PDB file of N, CA and C in Angstrom:
ATOM      1  N   MET A   1      50.654-140.019 -94.192  1.00  0.00           N
ATOM      2  CA  MET A   1      49.493-140.078 -95.051  1.00  0.00           C
ATOM      3  C   MET A   1      48.765-138.740 -94.996  1.00  0.00           C
ATOM      4  N   ALA A   2      48.362-138.248 -96.189  1.00  0.00           N
ATOM      5  CA  ALA A   2      47.728-136.940 -96.283  1.00  0.00           C
ATOM      6  C   ALA A   2      46.271-137.037 -95.849  1.00  0.00           C
ATOM      7  N   ALA A   3      45.798-135.953 -95.309  1.00  0.00           N
ATOM      8  CA  ALA A   3      44.420-135.924 -94.854  1.00  0.00           C
ATOM      9  C   ALA A   3      43.488-135.875 -96.071  1.00  0.00           C
ATOM     10  N   LYS A   4      42.403-136.590 -95.989  1.00  0.00           N
ATOM     11  CA  LYS A   4      41.428-136.646 -97.076  1.00  0.00           C
ATOM     12  C   LYS A   4      40.645-135.339 -97.120  1.00  0.00           C
ATOM     13  N   LYS A   5      40.470-134.772 -98.365  1.00  0.00           N
ATOM     14  CA  LYS A   5      39.726-133.527 -98.512  1.00  0.00           C
ATOM     15  C   LYS A   5      38.250-133.792 -98.258  1.00  0.00           C
ATOM     16  N   PRO A   6      37.569-132.859 -97.619  1.00  0.00           N
ATOM     17  CA  PRO A   6      36.132-133.060 -97.379  1.00  0.00           C
ATOM     18  C   PRO A   6      35.341-132.901 -98.692  1.00  0.00           C
ATOM     19  N   PHE A   7      34.204-133.574 -98.777  1.00  0.00           N
ATOM     20  CA  PHE A   7      33.337-133.512 -99.949  1.00  0.00           C
ATOM     21  C   PHE A   7      32.716-132.125-100.016  1.00  0.00           C
ATOM     22  N   ASN A   8      32.811-131.484-101.168  1.00  0.00           N
ATOM     23  CA  ASN A   8      32.342-130.115-101.335  1.00  0.00           C
ATOM     24  C   ASN A   8      30.889-130.135-101.809  1.00  0.00           C
ATOM     25  N   TRP A   9      29.963-130.150-100.867  1.00  0.00           N
ATOM     26  CA  TRP A   9      28.535-130.213-101.194  1.00  0.00           C
ATOM     27  C   TRP A   9      28.064-128.967-101.907  1.00  0.00           C
ATOM     28  N   TRP A  10      28.560-127.814-101.526  1.00  0.00           N
ATOM     29  CA  TRP A  10      28.123-126.562-102.135  1.00  0.00           C
ATOM     30  C   TRP A  10      28.490-126.525-103.624  1.00  0.00           C
ATOM     31  N   LEU A  11      29.683-126.970-103.982  1.00  0.00           N
ATOM     32  CA  LEU A  11      30.114-127.001-105.380  1.00  0.00           C
ATOM     33  C   LEU A  11      29.204-127.903-106.206  1.00  0.00           C
ATOM     34  N   TRP A  12      28.932-129.083-105.727  1.00  0.00           N
ATOM     35  CA  TRP A  12      28.094-130.033-106.470  1.00  0.00           C
ATOM     36  C   TRP A  12      26.642-129.567-106.549  1.00  0.00           C
ATOM     37  N   THR A  13      26.161-128.895-105.529  1.00  0.00           N
ATOM     38  CA  THR A  13      24.804-128.350-105.566  1.00  0.00           C
ATOM     39  C   THR A  13      24.710-127.282-106.645  1.00  0.00           C
ATOM     40  N   LYS A  14      25.699-126.372-106.697  1.00  0.00           N
ATOM     41  CA  LYS A  14      25.709-125.341-107.736  1.00  0.00           C
ATOM     42  C   LYS A  14      25.793-125.960-109.123  1.00  0.00           C
ATOM     43  N   MET A  15      26.599-126.983-109.276  1.00  0.00           N
ATOM     44  CA  MET A  15      26.745-127.638-110.575  1.00  0.00           C
ATOM     45  C   MET A  15      25.430-128.286-111.007  1.00  0.00           C
ATOM     46  N   LEU A  16      24.749-128.976-110.104  1.00  0.00           N
ATOM     47  CA  LEU A  16      23.486-129.619-110.453  1.00  0.00           C
ATOM     48  C   LEU A  16      22.405-128.600-110.778  1.00  0.00           C
ATOM     49  N   VAL A  17      22.314-127.524-110.000  1.00  0.00           N
ATOM     50  CA  VAL A  17      21.311-126.490-110.259  1.00  0.00           C
ATOM     51  C   VAL A  17      21.612-125.790-111.578  1.00  0.00           C
ATOM     52  N   GLY A  18      22.860-125.446-111.808  1.00  0.00           N
ATOM     53  CA  GLY A  18      23.235-124.782-113.063  1.00  0.00           C
ATOM     54  C   GLY A  18      23.008-125.687-114.271  1.00  0.00           C
ATOM     55  N   GLY A  19      23.400-126.946-114.161  1.00  0.00           N
ATOM     56  CA  GLY A  19      23.186-127.894-115.264  1.00  0.00           C
ATOM     57  C   GLY A  19      21.711-128.108-115.536  1.00  0.00           C
ATOM     58  N   GLY A  20      20.919-128.245-114.474  1.00  0.00           N
ATOM     59  CA  GLY A  20      19.473-128.413-114.652  1.00  0.00           C
ATOM     60  C   GLY A  20      18.844-127.197-115.301  1.00  0.00           C
ATOM     61  N   ALA A  21      19.322-126.007-114.910  1.00  0.00           N
ATOM     62  CA  ALA A  21      18.788-124.780-115.499  1.00  0.00           C
ATOM     63  C   ALA A  21      19.102-124.729-116.994  1.00  0.00           C
ATOM     64  N   MET A  22      20.284-125.174-117.388  1.00  0.00           N
ATOM     65  CA  MET A  22      20.649-125.161-118.807  1.00  0.00           C
ATOM     66  C   MET A  22      19.893-126.232-119.594  1.00  0.00           C
ATOM     67  N   VAL A  23      19.792-127.420-119.012  1.00  0.00           N
ATOM     68  CA  VAL A  23      19.146-128.525-119.727  1.00  0.00           C
ATOM     69  C   VAL A  23      17.649-128.277-119.879  1.00  0.00           C
ATOM     70  N   VAL A  24      17.001-127.759-118.850  1.00  0.00           N
ATOM     71  CA  VAL A  24      15.561-127.531-118.910  1.00  0.00           C
ATOM     72  C   VAL A  24      15.245-126.119-119.387  1.00  0.00           C
ATOM     73  N   GLY A  25      15.982-125.149-118.901  1.00  0.00           N
ATOM     74  CA  GLY A  25      15.674-123.759-119.203  1.00  0.00           C
ATOM     75  C   GLY A  25      16.013-123.345-120.627  1.00  0.00           C
ATOM     76  N   GLY A  26      17.069-123.906-121.202  1.00  0.00           N
ATOM     77  CA  GLY A  26      17.460-123.539-122.564  1.00  0.00           C
ATOM     78  C   GLY A  26      16.371-123.854-123.578  1.00  0.00           C
ATOM     79  N   PRO A  27      15.951-125.116-123.683  1.00  0.00           N
ATOM     80  CA  PRO A  27      14.876-125.428-124.629  1.00  0.00           C
ATOM     81  C   PRO A  27      13.568-124.716-124.300  1.00  0.00           C
ATOM     82  N   ALA A  28      13.281-124.531-123.002  1.00  0.00           N
ATOM     83  CA  ALA A  28      12.060-123.816-122.630  1.00  0.00           C
ATOM     84  C   ALA A  28      12.121-122.367-123.116  1.00  0.00           C
ATOM     85  N   PHE A  29      13.281-121.733-122.993  1.00  0.00           N
ATOM     86  CA  PHE A  29      13.439-120.359-123.456  1.00  0.00           C
ATOM     87  C   PHE A  29      13.281-120.267-124.976  1.00  0.00           C
ATOM     88  N   VAL A  30      13.871-121.224-125.687  1.00  0.00           N
ATOM     89  CA  VAL A  30      13.753-121.233-127.151  1.00  0.00           C
ATOM     90  C   VAL A  30      12.293-121.389-127.561  1.00  0.00           C
ATOM     91  N   ARG A  31      11.558-122.271-126.908  1.00  0.00           N
ATOM     92  CA  ARG A  31      10.131-122.442-127.222  1.00  0.00           C
ATOM     93  C   ARG A  31       9.346-121.173-126.914  1.00  0.00           C
ATOM     94  N   TRP A  32       9.725-120.477-125.865  1.00  0.00           N
ATOM     95  CA  TRP A  32       9.008-119.280-125.452  1.00  0.00           C
ATOM     96  C   TRP A  32       9.214-118.139-126.445  1.00  0.00           C
ATOM     97  N   VAL A  33      10.436-117.985-126.990  1.00  0.00           N
ATOM     98  CA  VAL A  33      10.713-116.861-127.888  1.00  0.00           C
ATOM     99  C   VAL A  33      10.434-117.179-129.350  1.00  0.00           C
ATOM    100  N   SER A  34      10.276-118.455-129.727  1.00  0.00           N
ATOM    101  CA  SER A  34      10.023-118.805-131.126  1.00  0.00           C
ATOM    102  C   SER A  34       8.569-118.529-131.481  1.00  0.00           C
ATOM    103  N   PRO A  35       8.339-117.832-132.610  1.00  0.00           N
ATOM    104  CA  PRO A  35       6.957-117.555-133.000  1.00  0.00           C
ATOM    105  C   PRO A  35       6.293-118.813-133.571  1.00  0.00           C
ATOM    106  N   THR A  36       4.995-118.910-133.429  1.00  0.00           N
ATOM    107  CA  THR A  36       4.253-120.032-133.999  1.00  0.00           C
ATOM    108  C   THR A  36       4.018-119.771-135.482  1.00  0.00           C
ATOM    109  N   ASP A  37       3.534-120.771-136.185  1.00  0.00           N
ATOM    110  CA  ASP A  37       3.255-120.619-137.607  1.00  0.00           C
ATOM    111  C   ASP A  37       2.203-119.544-137.857  1.00  0.00           C
ATOM    112  N   GLU A  38       1.202-119.482-136.990  1.00  0.00           N
ATOM    113  CA  GLU A  38       0.155-118.485-137.154  1.00  0.00           C
ATOM    114  C   GLU A  38       0.707-117.070-136.968  1.00  0.00           C
ATOM    115  N   GLU A  39       1.595-116.894-135.983  1.00  0.00           N
ATOM    116  CA  GLU A  39       2.185-115.576-135.761  1.00  0.00           C
ATOM    117  C   GLU A  39       3.040-115.153-136.956  1.00  0.00           C
ATOM    118  N   LEU A  40       3.793-116.079-137.496  1.00  0.00           N
ATOM    119  CA  LEU A  40       4.583-115.763-138.687  1.00  0.00           C
ATOM    120  C   LEU A  40       3.684-115.391-139.857  1.00  0.00           C
ATOM    121  N   PHE A  41       2.597-116.146-140.041  1.00  0.00           N
ATOM    122  CA  PHE A  41       1.675-115.872-141.145  1.00  0.00           C
ATOM    123  C   PHE A  41       1.039-114.493-140.993  1.00  0.00           C
ATOM    124  N   GLN A  42       0.724-114.108-139.760  1.00  0.00           N
ATOM    125  CA  GLN A  42       0.120-112.801-139.531  1.00  0.00           C
ATOM    126  C   GLN A  42       1.092-111.663-139.842  1.00  0.00           C
ATOM    127  N   ARG A  43       2.392-111.909-139.774  1.00  0.00           N
ATOM    128  CA  ARG A  43       3.392-110.880-140.065  1.00  0.00           C
ATOM    129  C   ARG A  43       3.662-110.748-141.563  1.00  0.00           C
ATOM    130  N   TYR A  44       3.153-111.662-142.375  1.00  0.00           N
ATOM    131  CA  TYR A  44       3.340-111.574-143.825  1.00  0.00           C
ATOM    132  C   TYR A  44       2.693-110.308-144.361  1.00  0.00           C
ATOM    133  N   SER A  45       3.226-109.838-145.476  1.00  0.00           N
ATOM    134  CA  SER A  45       2.570-108.742-146.180  1.00  0.00           C
ATOM    135  C   SER A  45       1.322-109.314-146.853  1.00  0.00           C
ATOM    136  N   PRO A  46       0.353-108.466-147.187  1.00  0.00           N
ATOM    137  CA  PRO A  46      -0.871-108.977-147.809  1.00  0.00           C
ATOM    138  C   PRO A  46      -0.604-109.753-149.105  1.00  0.00           C
ATOM    139  N   GLU A  47       0.388-109.311-149.871  1.00  0.00           N
ATOM    140  CA  GLU A  47       0.715-110.013-151.116  1.00  0.00           C
ATOM    141  C   GLU A  47       1.241-111.414-150.835  1.00  0.00           C
ATOM    142  N   LEU A  48       2.140-111.536-149.844  1.00  0.00           N
ATOM    143  CA  LEU A  48       2.673-112.855-149.482  1.00  0.00           C
ATOM    144  C   LEU A  48       1.584-113.757-148.920  1.00  0.00           C
ATOM    145  N   LYS A  49       0.675-113.194-148.138  1.00  0.00           N
ATOM    146  CA  LYS A  49      -0.441-113.988-147.610  1.00  0.00           C
ATOM    147  C   LYS A  49      -1.270-114.560-148.745  1.00  0.00           C
ATOM    148  N   ARG A  50      -1.568-113.714-149.732  1.00  0.00           N
ATOM    149  CA  ARG A  50      -2.383-114.154-150.865  1.00  0.00           C
ATOM    150  C   ARG A  50      -1.667-115.271-151.632  1.00  0.00           C
ATOM    151  N   LYS A  51      -0.362-115.091-151.908  1.00  0.00           N
ATOM    152  CA  LYS A  51       0.392-116.117-152.634  1.00  0.00           C
ATOM    153  C   LYS A  51       0.457-117.414-151.839  1.00  0.00           C
ATOM    154  N   SER A  52       0.657-117.291-150.537  1.00  0.00           N
ATOM    155  CA  SER A  52       0.737-118.475-149.692  1.00  0.00           C
ATOM    156  C   SER A  52      -0.574-119.240-149.685  1.00  0.00           C
ATOM    157  N   LEU A  53      -1.671-118.513-149.588  1.00  0.00           N
ATOM    158  CA  LEU A  53      -2.979-119.172-149.585  1.00  0.00           C
ATOM    159  C   LEU A  53      -3.281-119.821-150.935  1.00  0.00           C
ATOM    160  N   GLU A  54      -2.839-119.189-152.032  1.00  0.00           N
ATOM    161  CA  GLU A  54      -3.072-119.756-153.360  1.00  0.00           C
ATOM    162  C   GLU A  54      -2.310-121.058-153.557  1.00  0.00           C
ATOM    163  N   ARG A  55      -1.092-121.116-153.041  1.00  0.00           N
ATOM    164  CA  ARG A  55      -0.255-122.288-153.253  1.00  0.00           C
ATOM    165  C   ARG A  55      -0.448-123.364-152.178  1.00  0.00           C
ATOM    166  N   ARG A  56      -1.241-123.102-151.164  1.00  0.00           N
ATOM    167  CA  ARG A  56      -1.395-124.036-150.048  1.00  0.00           C
ATOM    168  C   ARG A  56      -1.907-125.395-150.508  1.00  0.00           C
ATOM    169  N   VAL A  57      -2.936-125.410-151.339  1.00  0.00           N
ATOM    170  CA  VAL A  57      -3.516-126.673-151.801  1.00  0.00           C
ATOM    171  C   VAL A  57      -2.499-127.425-152.655  1.00  0.00           C
ATOM    172  N   GLU A  58      -1.782-126.688-153.502  1.00  0.00           N
ATOM    173  CA  GLU A  58      -0.775-127.328-154.363  1.00  0.00           C
ATOM    174  C   GLU A  58       0.338-127.959-153.532  1.00  0.00           C
ATOM    175  N   ARG A  59       0.834-127.224-152.531  1.00  0.00           N
ATOM    176  CA  ARG A  59       1.894-127.766-151.672  1.00  0.00           C
ATOM    177  C   ARG A  59       1.403-128.969-150.884  1.00  0.00           C
ATOM    178  N   GLN A  60       0.170-128.926-150.409  1.00  0.00           N
ATOM    179  CA  GLN A  60      -0.388-130.049-149.661  1.00  0.00           C
ATOM    180  C   GLN A  60      -0.496-131.271-150.559  1.00  0.00           C
ATOM    181  N   GLN A  61      -0.907-131.074-151.813  1.00  0.00           N
ATOM    182  CA  GLN A  61      -1.018-132.189-152.748  1.00  0.00           C
ATOM    183  C   GLN A  61       0.364-132.773-153.048  1.00  0.00           C
ATOM    184  N   GLU A  62       1.377-131.908-153.236  1.00  0.00           N
ATOM    185  CA  GLU A  62       2.734-132.381-153.461  1.00  0.00           C
ATOM    186  C   GLU A  62       3.224-133.202-152.277  1.00  0.00           C
ATOM    187  N   PHE A  63       2.953-132.738-151.074  1.00  0.00           N
ATOM    188  CA  PHE A  63       3.370-133.466-149.880  1.00  0.00           C
ATOM    189  C   PHE A  63       2.662-134.815-149.788  1.00  0.00           C
ATOM    190  N   ASP A  64       1.362-134.823-150.071  1.00  0.00           N
ATOM    191  CA  ASP A  64       0.611-136.084-150.034  1.00  0.00           C
ATOM    192  C   ASP A  64       1.147-137.075-151.068  1.00  0.00           C
ATOM    193  N   ASP A  65       1.484-136.578-152.262  1.00  0.00           N
ATOM    194  CA  ASP A  65       2.070-137.441-153.286  1.00  0.00           C
ATOM    195  C   ASP A  65       3.405-138.005-152.825  1.00  0.00           C
ATOM    196  N   PHE A  66       4.227-137.138-152.218  1.00  0.00           N
ATOM    197  CA  PHE A  66       5.529-137.565-151.723  1.00  0.00           C
ATOM    198  C   PHE A  66       5.385-138.653-150.661  1.00  0.00           C
ATOM    199  N   VAL A  67       4.483-138.452-149.719  1.00  0.00           N
ATOM    200  CA  VAL A  67       4.276-139.443-148.656  1.00  0.00           C
ATOM    201  C   VAL A  67       3.727-140.744-149.245  1.00  0.00           C
ATOM    202  N   GLY A  68       2.832-140.631-150.222  1.00  0.00           N
ATOM    203  CA  GLY A  68       2.298-141.825-150.871  1.00  0.00           C
ATOM    204  C   GLY A  68       3.387-142.620-151.574  1.00  0.00           C
ATOM    205  N   LYS A  69       4.309-141.900-152.253  1.00  0.00           N
ATOM    206  CA  LYS A  69       5.421-142.594-152.910  1.00  0.00           C
ATOM    207  C   LYS A  69       6.323-143.257-151.883  1.00  0.00           C
ATOM    208  N   LEU A  70       6.584-142.568-150.774  1.00  0.00           N
ATOM    209  CA  LEU A  70       7.427-143.165-149.734  1.00  0.00           C
ATOM    210  C   LEU A  70       6.791-144.432-149.169  1.00  0.00           C
ATOM    211  N   LYS A  71       5.478-144.413-148.975  1.00  0.00           N
ATOM    212  CA  LYS A  71       4.794-145.602-148.476  1.00  0.00           C
ATOM    213  C   LYS A  71       4.898-146.734-149.485  1.00  0.00           C
ATOM    214  N   GLU A  72       4.766-146.385-150.761  1.00  0.00           N
ATOM    215  CA  GLU A  72       4.883-147.407-151.809  1.00  0.00           C
ATOM    216  C   GLU A  72       6.304-147.960-151.850  1.00  0.00           C
ATOM    217  N   TYR A  73       7.307-147.073-151.760  1.00  0.00           N
ATOM    218  CA  TYR A  73       8.697-147.511-151.787  1.00  0.00           C
ATOM    219  C   TYR A  73       9.038-148.357-150.573  1.00  0.00           C
ATOM    220  N   SER A  74       8.421-148.074-149.431  1.00  0.00           N
ATOM    221  CA  SER A  74       8.764-148.797-148.205  1.00  0.00           C
ATOM    222  C   SER A  74       8.234-150.227-148.215  1.00  0.00           C
ATOM    223  N   LYS A  75       7.329-150.548-149.133  1.00  0.00           N
ATOM    224  CA  LYS A  75       6.812-151.915-149.210  1.00  0.00           C
ATOM    225  C   LYS A  75       7.846-152.871-149.781  1.00  0.00           C
ATOM    226  N   SER A  76       8.854-152.343-150.462  1.00  0.00           N
ATOM    227  CA  SER A  76       9.889-153.172-151.055  1.00  0.00           C
ATOM    228  C   SER A  76      10.882-153.622-149.981  1.00  0.00           C
ATOM    229  N   ASP A  77      11.586-154.701-150.277  1.00  0.00           N
ATOM    230  CA  ASP A  77      12.614-155.188-149.357  1.00  0.00           C
ATOM    231  C   ASP A  77      13.903-154.369-149.475  1.00  0.00           C
ATOM    232  N   LYS A  78      14.047-153.654-150.583  1.00  0.00           N
ATOM    233  CA  LYS A  78      15.246-152.850-150.810  1.00  0.00           C
ATOM    234  C   LYS A  78      15.152-151.551-150.010  1.00  0.00           C
ATOM    235  N   PRO A  79      16.294-150.899-149.770  1.00  0.00           N
ATOM    236  CA  PRO A  79      16.254-149.577-149.134  1.00  0.00           C
ATOM    237  C   PRO A  79      15.486-148.578-150.000  1.00  0.00           C
ATOM    238  N   ILE A  80      14.876-147.608-149.356  1.00  0.00           N
ATOM    239  CA  ILE A  80      14.005-146.656-150.042  1.00  0.00           C
ATOM    240  C   ILE A  80      14.756-145.904-151.130  1.00  0.00           C
ATOM    241  N   TRP A  81      16.013-145.508-150.870  1.00  0.00           N
ATOM    242  CA  TRP A  81      16.733-144.708-151.859  1.00  0.00           C
ATOM    243  C   TRP A  81      17.027-145.506-153.122  1.00  0.00           C
ATOM    244  N   PHE A  82      17.230-146.839-153.000  1.00  0.00           N
ATOM    245  CA  PHE A  82      17.417-147.661-154.195  1.00  0.00           C
ATOM    246  C   PHE A  82      16.123-147.734-154.997  1.00  0.00           C
ATOM    247  N   VAL A  83      15.022-147.936-154.314  1.00  0.00           N
ATOM    248  CA  VAL A  83      13.730-148.021-154.995  1.00  0.00           C
ATOM    249  C   VAL A  83      13.396-146.676-155.639  1.00  0.00           C
ATOM    250  N   GLN A  84      13.733-145.577-154.959  1.00  0.00           N
ATOM    251  CA  GLN A  84      13.469-144.247-155.495  1.00  0.00           C
ATOM    252  C   GLN A  84      14.297-144.003-156.752  1.00  0.00           C
ATOM    253  N   LYS A  85      15.578-144.376-156.748  1.00  0.00           N
ATOM    254  CA  LYS A  85      16.415-144.211-157.940  1.00  0.00           C
ATOM    255  C   LYS A  85      15.870-145.050-159.094  1.00  0.00           C
ATOM    256  N   GLU A  86      15.417-146.262-158.797  1.00  0.00           N
ATOM    257  CA  GLU A  86      14.853-147.123-159.829  1.00  0.00           C
ATOM    258  C   GLU A  86      13.586-146.498-160.420  1.00  0.00           C
ATOM    259  N   ALA A  87      12.742-145.941-159.574  1.00  0.00           N
ATOM    260  CA  ALA A  87      11.520-145.290-160.051  1.00  0.00           C
ATOM    261  C   ALA A  87      11.858-144.067-160.904  1.00  0.00           C
ATOM    262  N   GLU A  88      12.880-143.301-160.501  1.00  0.00           N
ATOM    263  CA  GLU A  88      13.295-142.144-161.297  1.00  0.00           C
ATOM    264  C   GLU A  88      13.807-142.587-162.661  1.00  0.00           C
ATOM    265  N   ARG A  89      14.578-143.680-162.696  1.00  0.00           N
ATOM    266  CA  ARG A  89      15.103-144.196-163.949  1.00  0.00           C
ATOM    267  C   ARG A  89      13.963-144.635-164.856  1.00  0.00           C
ATOM    268  N   GLN A  90      12.980-145.324-164.290  1.00  0.00           N
ATOM    269  CA  GLN A  90      11.834-145.762-165.088  1.00  0.00           C
ATOM    270  C   GLN A  90      11.035-144.571-165.609  1.00  0.00           C
ATOM    271  N   ALA A  91      10.882-143.535-164.793  1.00  0.00           N
ATOM    272  CA  ALA A  91      10.160-142.343-165.232  1.00  0.00           C
ATOM    273  C   ALA A  91      10.917-141.640-166.357  1.00  0.00           C
ATOM    274  N   THR A  92      12.245-141.588-166.253  1.00  0.00           N
ATOM    275  CA  THR A  92      13.049-140.978-167.308  1.00  0.00           C
ATOM    276  C   THR A  92      12.906-141.755-168.608  1.00  0.00           C
ATOM    277  N   GLU A  93      12.972-143.083-168.514  1.00  0.00           N
ATOM    278  CA  GLU A  93      12.799-143.909-169.714  1.00  0.00           C
ATOM    279  C   GLU A  93      11.416-143.715-170.316  1.00  0.00           C
ATOM    280  N   ALA A  94      10.400-143.587-169.486  1.00  0.00           N
ATOM    281  CA  ALA A  94       9.043-143.375-169.990  1.00  0.00           C
ATOM    282  C   ALA A  94       8.946-142.029-170.706  1.00  0.00           C
ATOM    283  N   ARG A  95       9.589-140.980-170.156  1.00  0.00           N
ATOM    284  CA  ARG A  95       9.579-139.674-170.818  1.00  0.00           C
ATOM    285  C   ARG A  95      10.301-139.732-172.161  1.00  0.00           C
ATOM    286  N   ILE A  96      11.402-140.464-172.213  1.00  0.00           N
ATOM    287  CA  ILE A  96      12.140-140.603-173.475  1.00  0.00           C
ATOM    288  C   ILE A  96      11.285-141.315-174.509  1.00  0.00           C
ATOM    289  N   GLN A  97      10.638-142.402-174.107  1.00  0.00           N
ATOM    290  CA  GLN A  97       9.780-143.146-175.031  1.00  0.00           C
ATOM    291  C   GLN A  97       8.617-142.274-175.506  1.00  0.00           C
ATOM    292  N   GLU A  98       8.053-141.473-174.620  1.00  0.00           N
ATOM    293  CA  GLU A  98       6.963-140.580-174.995  1.00  0.00           C
ATOM    294  C   GLU A  98       7.452-139.542-176.001  1.00  0.00           C
ATOM    295  N   GLY A  99       8.651-139.015-175.797  1.00  0.00           N
ATOM    296  CA  GLY A  99       9.229-138.054-176.732  1.00  0.00           C
ATOM    297  C   GLY A  99       9.457-138.670-178.100  1.00  0.00           C
ATOM    298  N   ILE A 100       9.946-139.905-178.127  1.00  0.00           N
ATOM    299  CA  ILE A 100      10.150-140.605-179.395  1.00  0.00           C
ATOM    300  C   ILE A 100       8.813-140.814-180.097  1.00  0.00           C
ATOM    301  N   ARG A 101       7.798-141.214-179.357  1.00  0.00           N
ATOM    302  CA  ARG A 101       6.477-141.447-179.947  1.00  0.00           C
ATOM    303  C   ARG A 101       5.908-140.152-180.532  1.00  0.00           C
ATOM    304  N   ILE A 102       6.056-139.050-179.801  1.00  0.00           N
ATOM    305  CA  ILE A 102       5.551-137.764-180.284  1.00  0.00           C
ATOM    306  C   ILE A 102       6.312-137.344-181.540  1.00  0.00           C
ATOM    307  N   ALA A 103       7.645-137.544-181.560  1.00  0.00           N
ATOM    308  CA  ALA A 103       8.434-137.182-182.738  1.00  0.00           C
ATOM    309  C   ALA A 103       7.998-137.989-183.950  1.00  0.00           C
ATOM    310  N   GLU A 104       7.708-139.268-183.756  1.00  0.00           N
ATOM    311  CA  GLU A 104       7.235-140.098-184.867  1.00  0.00           C
ATOM    312  C   GLU A 104       5.876-139.620-185.361  1.00  0.00           C
ATOM    313  N   GLU A 105       4.996-139.235-184.448  1.00  0.00           N
ATOM    314  CA  GLU A 105       3.686-138.718-184.852  1.00  0.00           C
ATOM    315  C   GLU A 105       3.832-137.432-185.649  1.00  0.00           C
ATOM    316  N   VAL A 106       4.723-136.551-185.214  1.00  0.00           N
ATOM    317  CA  VAL A 106       4.946-135.293-185.931  1.00  0.00           C
ATOM    318  C   VAL A 106       5.486-135.576-187.328  1.00  0.00           C
ATOM    319  N   LYS A 107       6.416-136.503-187.420  1.00  0.00           N
ATOM    320  CA  LYS A 107       6.986-136.871-188.716  1.00  0.00           C
ATOM    321  C   LYS A 107       5.908-137.438-189.627  1.00  0.00           C
ATOM    322  N   ALA A 108       5.039-138.300-189.095  1.00  0.00           N
ATOM    323  CA  ALA A 108       3.965-138.874-189.902  1.00  0.00           C
ATOM    324  C   ALA A 108       2.992-137.787-190.356  1.00  0.00           C
ATOM    325  N   ARG A 109       2.674-136.821-189.477  1.00  0.00           N
ATOM    326  CA  ARG A 109       1.802-135.721-189.875  1.00  0.00           C
ATOM    327  C   ARG A 109       2.420-134.871-190.980  1.00  0.00           C
ATOM    328  N   LYS A 110       3.717-134.605-190.877  1.00  0.00           N
ATOM    329  CA  LYS A 110       4.393-133.819-191.911  1.00  0.00           C
ATOM    330  C   LYS A 110       4.336-134.540-193.253  1.00  0.00           C
ATOM    331  N   GLU A 111       4.605-135.842-193.237  1.00  0.00           N
ATOM    332  CA  GLU A 111       4.551-136.614-194.477  1.00  0.00           C
ATOM    333  C   GLU A 111       3.138-136.605-195.054  1.00  0.00           C
ATOM    334  N   GLU A 112       2.141-136.723-194.194  1.00  0.00           N
ATOM    335  CA  GLU A 112       0.747-136.697-194.659  1.00  0.00           C
ATOM    336  C   GLU A 112       0.402-135.340-195.255  1.00  0.00           C
ATOM    337  N   MET A 113       0.886-134.269-194.627  1.00  0.00           N
ATOM    338  CA  MET A 113       0.630-132.932-195.148  1.00  0.00           C
ATOM    339  C   MET A 113       1.332-132.746-196.496  1.00  0.00           C
ATOM    340  N   ARG A 114       2.545-133.271-196.643  1.00  0.00           N
ATOM    341  CA  ARG A 114       3.255-133.177-197.927  1.00  0.00           C
ATOM    342  C   ARG A 114       2.505-133.952-199.007  1.00  0.00           C
ATOM    343  N   ARG A 115       2.001-135.138-198.653  1.00  0.00           N
ATOM    344  CA  ARG A 115       1.240-135.936-199.619  1.00  0.00           C
ATOM    345  C   ARG A 115      -0.029-135.187-200.026  1.00  0.00           C
ATOM    346  N   ALA A 116      -0.715-134.592-199.039  1.00  0.00           N
ATOM    347  CA  ALA A 116      -1.948-133.870-199.331  1.00  0.00           C
ATOM    348  C   ALA A 116      -1.688-132.653-200.215  1.00  0.00           C
ATOM    349  N   ALA A 117      -0.510-132.049-200.057  1.00  0.00           N
ATOM    350  CA  ALA A 117      -0.163-130.880-200.864  1.00  0.00           C
ATOM    351  C   ALA A 117       0.378-131.275-202.236  1.00  0.00           C
ATOM    352  N   GLY A 118       0.643-132.571-202.438  1.00  0.00           N
ATOM    353  CA  GLY A 118       1.158-133.038-203.706  1.00  0.00           C
ATOM    354  C   GLY A 118       2.656-132.904-203.845  1.00  0.00           C
ATOM    355  N   LEU A 119       3.353-132.690-202.739  1.00  0.00           N
ATOM    356  CA  LEU A 119       4.809-132.603-202.771  1.00  0.00           C
ATOM    357  C   LEU A 119       5.424-133.981-202.596  1.00  0.00           C
ATOM    358  N   PRO A 120       6.636-134.165-203.103  1.00  0.00           N
ATOM    359  CA  PRO A 120       7.281-135.477-202.902  1.00  0.00           C
ATOM    360  C   PRO A 120       7.641-135.673-201.439  1.00  0.00           C
ATOM    361  N   VAL A 121       7.494-136.906-200.964  1.00  0.00           N
ATOM    362  CA  VAL A 121       7.788-137.241-199.580  1.00  0.00           C
ATOM    363  C   VAL A 121       9.254-137.621-199.492  1.00  0.00           C
ATOM    364  N   ASN A 122      10.023-136.886-198.672  1.00  0.00           N
ATOM    365  CA  ASN A 122      11.426-137.190-198.480  1.00  0.00           C
ATOM    366  C   ASN A 122      11.570-138.044-197.228  1.00  0.00           C
ATOM    367  N   SER A 123      12.205-139.177-197.378  1.00  0.00           N
ATOM    368  CA  SER A 123      12.356-140.065-196.240  1.00  0.00           C
ATOM    369  C   SER A 123      13.584-139.707-195.413  1.00  0.00           C
ATOM    370  N   ASP A 124      14.493-138.858-195.958  1.00  0.00           N
ATOM    371  CA  ASP A 124      15.702-138.521-195.228  1.00  0.00           C
ATOM    372  C   ASP A 124      15.524-137.330-194.289  1.00  0.00           C
ATOM    373  N   ARG A 125      14.440-136.631-194.350  1.00  0.00           N
ATOM    374  CA  ARG A 125      14.201-135.483-193.455  1.00  0.00           C
ATOM    375  C   ARG A 125      13.486-135.875-192.234  1.00  0.00           C
TER     376      ARG A 125
END
């Protein structure tokens, strides 16, 4: 029977210390070298700073609208993406109906203008 190898404490100690250094030290190093939002903003050129400040309220409003829609969609029993597709379809149909209504109004205005000018009204145009 072969002799049993002794437990290598030094190897396992090095492995635990090295693994701990990677698991804890890696993310800590990334956090240490990553700039904050304020530091990035300070590095902007004056023109970019001005544009960013101008659009800040608009972007915040877009985000608030997006979150509000997500909250509304989450009230349904269906998955959010199904409810979102349904809402997009309804919005598309509403835009189409609005376009049709506007086209009819334009056509009616043209006919009224032709009548006012004394020209014959063509129904095929």
